[in-house]
């Protein structure tokens, strides 16, 4: 696997992890209500 692909995947993960971390509690809160 070319390193560029791995690097791109890593960047995507770094960009999306904070969104998932902030999105999941909101979904759980909505389900709790």
PDB file of N, CA and C in Angstrom:
ATOM      1  N   UNK A   1       0.858  -1.205   0.000  1.00  0.00           N
ATOM      2  CA  UNK A   1       0.000   0.000   0.000  1.00  0.00           C
ATOM      3  C   UNK A   1       0.883   1.240   0.000  1.00  0.00           C
ATOM      4  N   UNK A   2       0.657   2.139  -0.949  1.00  0.00           N
ATOM      5  CA  UNK A   2       1.455   3.374  -1.000  1.00  0.00           C
ATOM      6  C   UNK A   2       1.289   4.186   0.273  1.00  0.00           C
ATOM      7  N   UNK A   3       2.380   4.829   0.697  1.00  0.00           N
ATOM      8  CA  UNK A   3       2.369   5.606   1.940  1.00  0.00           C
ATOM      9  C   UNK A   3       1.388   6.769   1.864  1.00  0.00           C
ATOM     10  N   UNK A   4       1.212   7.317   0.657  1.00  0.00           N
ATOM     11  CA  UNK A   4       0.319   8.479   0.497  1.00  0.00           C
ATOM     12  C   UNK A   4      -1.107   8.111   0.896  1.00  0.00           C
ATOM     13  N   UNK A   5      -1.519   6.893   0.542  1.00  0.00           N
ATOM     14  CA  UNK A   5      -2.874   6.442   0.884  1.00  0.00           C
ATOM     15  C   UNK A   5      -3.010   6.331   2.401  1.00  0.00           C
ATOM     16  N   UNK A   6      -2.003   5.748   3.045  1.00  0.00           N
ATOM     17  CA  UNK A   6      -2.036   5.626   4.505  1.00  0.00           C
ATOM     18  C   UNK A   6      -2.071   6.998   5.156  1.00  0.00           C
ATOM     19  N   UNK A   7      -1.292   7.924   4.613  1.00  0.00           N
ATOM     20  CA  UNK A   7      -1.239   9.279   5.164  1.00  0.00           C
ATOM     21  C   UNK A   7      -2.596   9.966   5.015  1.00  0.00           C
ATOM     22  N   UNK A   8      -3.225   9.776   3.859  1.00  0.00           N
ATOM     23  CA  UNK A   8      -4.542  10.377   3.622  1.00  0.00           C
ATOM     24  C   UNK A   8      -5.570   9.813   4.592  1.00  0.00           C
ATOM     25  N   UNK A   9      -5.547   8.487   4.795  1.00  0.00           N
ATOM     26  CA  UNK A   9      -6.472   7.851   5.735  1.00  0.00           C
ATOM     27  C   UNK A   9      -6.247   8.398   7.140  1.00  0.00           C
ATOM     28  N   UNK A  10      -4.988   8.567   7.510  1.00  0.00           N
ATOM     29  CA  UNK A  10      -4.664   9.107   8.831  1.00  0.00           C
ATOM     30  C   UNK A  10      -5.212  10.506   9.019  1.00  0.00           C
ATOM     31  N   UNK A  11      -5.070  11.340   7.992  1.00  0.00           N
ATOM     32  CA  UNK A  11      -5.578  12.719   8.072  1.00  0.00           C
ATOM     33  C   UNK A  11      -7.099  12.710   8.200  1.00  0.00           C
ATOM     34  N   UNK A  12      -7.756  11.856   7.420  1.00  0.00           N
ATOM     35  CA  UNK A  12      -9.221  11.769   7.475  1.00  0.00           C
ATOM     36  C   UNK A  12      -9.673  11.349   8.869  1.00  0.00           C
ATOM     37  N   UNK A  13      -8.977  10.350   9.447  1.00  0.00           N
ATOM     38  CA  UNK A  13      -9.326   9.886  10.796  1.00  0.00           C
ATOM     39  C   UNK A  13      -9.155  11.021  11.798  1.00  0.00           C
ATOM     40  N   UNK A  14      -8.041  11.744  11.698  1.00  0.00           N
ATOM     41  CA  UNK A  14      -7.792  12.847  12.634  1.00  0.00           C
ATOM     42  C   UNK A  14      -8.857  13.929  12.505  1.00  0.00           C
ATOM     43  N   UNK A  15      -9.346  14.142  11.277  1.00  0.00           N
ATOM     44  CA  UNK A  15     -10.365  15.176  11.065  1.00  0.00           C
ATOM     45  C   UNK A  15     -11.727  14.734  11.594  1.00  0.00           C
ATOM     46  N   UNK A  16     -12.031  13.440  11.457  1.00  0.00           N
ATOM     47  CA  UNK A  16     -13.376  12.978  11.791  1.00  0.00           C
ATOM     48  C   UNK A  16     -13.539  12.546  13.237  1.00  0.00           C
ATOM     49  N   UNK A  17     -12.442  12.127  13.901  1.00  0.00           N
ATOM     50  CA  UNK A  17     -12.556  11.672  15.295  1.00  0.00           C
ATOM     51  C   UNK A  17     -13.168  12.737  16.206  1.00  0.00           C
ATOM     52  N   UNK A  18     -12.712  14.008  16.158  1.00  0.00           N
ATOM     53  CA  UNK A  18     -13.339  15.022  17.022  1.00  0.00           C
ATOM     54  C   UNK A  18     -14.824  15.198  16.724  1.00  0.00           C
ATOM     55  N   UNK A  19     -15.220  15.095  15.462  1.00  0.00           N
ATOM     56  CA  UNK A  19     -16.636  15.238  15.107  1.00  0.00           C
ATOM     57  C   UNK A  19     -17.442  14.084  15.685  1.00  0.00           C
ATOM     58  N   UNK A  20     -16.876  12.868  15.622  1.00  0.00           N
ATOM     59  CA  UNK A  20     -17.566  11.699  16.172  1.00  0.00           C
ATOM     60  C   UNK A  20     -17.673  11.831  17.693  1.00  0.00           C
ATOM     61  N   UNK A  21     -16.600  12.306  18.329  1.00  0.00           N
ATOM     62  CA  UNK A  21     -16.591  12.451  19.786  1.00  0.00           C
ATOM     63  C   UNK A  21     -17.642  13.464  20.225  1.00  0.00           C
ATOM     64  N   UNK A  22     -17.839  14.521  19.447  1.00  0.00           N
ATOM     65  CA  UNK A  22     -18.833  15.532  19.811  1.00  0.00           C
ATOM     66  C   UNK A  22     -20.230  15.104  19.367  1.00  0.00           C
ATOM     67  N   UNK A  23     -20.321  14.248  18.353  1.00  0.00           N
ATOM     68  CA  UNK A  23     -21.617  13.854  17.806  1.00  0.00           C
ATOM     69  C   UNK A  23     -22.266  12.746  18.630  1.00  0.00           C
ATOM     70  N   UNK A  24     -21.455  11.790  19.104  1.00  0.00           N
ATOM     71  CA  UNK A  24     -22.006  10.651  19.841  1.00  0.00           C
ATOM     72  C   UNK A  24     -22.732  11.058  21.121  1.00  0.00           C
ATOM     73  N   UNK A  25     -22.137  11.893  21.988  1.00  0.00           N
ATOM     74  CA  UNK A  25     -22.859  12.303  23.205  1.00  0.00           C
ATOM     75  C   UNK A  25     -24.162  13.023  22.877  1.00  0.00           C
ATOM     76  N   UNK A  26     -24.177  13.792  21.795  1.00  0.00           N
ATOM     77  CA  UNK A  26     -25.399  14.488  21.392  1.00  0.00           C
ATOM     78  C   UNK A  26     -26.474  13.474  21.002  1.00  0.00           C
ATOM     79  N   UNK A  27     -26.077  12.417  20.297  1.00  0.00           N
ATOM     80  CA  UNK A  27     -27.033  11.380  19.910  1.00  0.00           C
ATOM     81  C   UNK A  27     -27.554  10.647  21.141  1.00  0.00           C
ATOM     82  N   UNK A  28     -26.652  10.368  22.089  1.00  0.00           N
ATOM     83  CA  UNK A  28     -27.049   9.672  23.316  1.00  0.00           C
ATOM     84  C   UNK A  28     -27.982  10.553  24.133  1.00  0.00           C
ATOM     85  N   UNK A  29     -27.694  11.860  24.177  1.00  0.00           N
ATOM     86  CA  UNK A  29     -28.549  12.798  24.905  1.00  0.00           C
ATOM     87  C   UNK A  29     -29.929  12.870  24.278  1.00  0.00           C
ATOM     88  N   UNK A  30     -29.971  12.871  22.949  1.00  0.00           N
ATOM     89  CA  UNK A  30     -31.250  12.922  22.247  1.00  0.00           C
ATOM     90  C   UNK A  30     -32.043  11.641  22.513  1.00  0.00           C
ATOM     91  N   UNK A  31     -31.350  10.512  22.565  1.00  0.00           N
ATOM     92  CA  UNK A  31     -32.014   9.238  22.834  1.00  0.00           C
ATOM     93  C   UNK A  31     -32.510   9.202  24.280  1.00  0.00           C
ATOM     94  N   UNK A  32     -31.741   9.835  25.183  1.00  0.00           N
ATOM     95  CA  UNK A  32     -32.123   9.872  26.596  1.00  0.00           C
ATOM     96  C   UNK A  32     -33.380  10.697  26.815  1.00  0.00           C
ATOM     97  N   UNK A  33     -33.543  11.754  25.981  1.00  0.00           N
ATOM     98  CA  UNK A  33     -34.728  12.597  26.111  1.00  0.00           C
ATOM     99  C   UNK A  33     -35.933  11.880  25.497  1.00  0.00           C
TER     100      UNK A  33
END
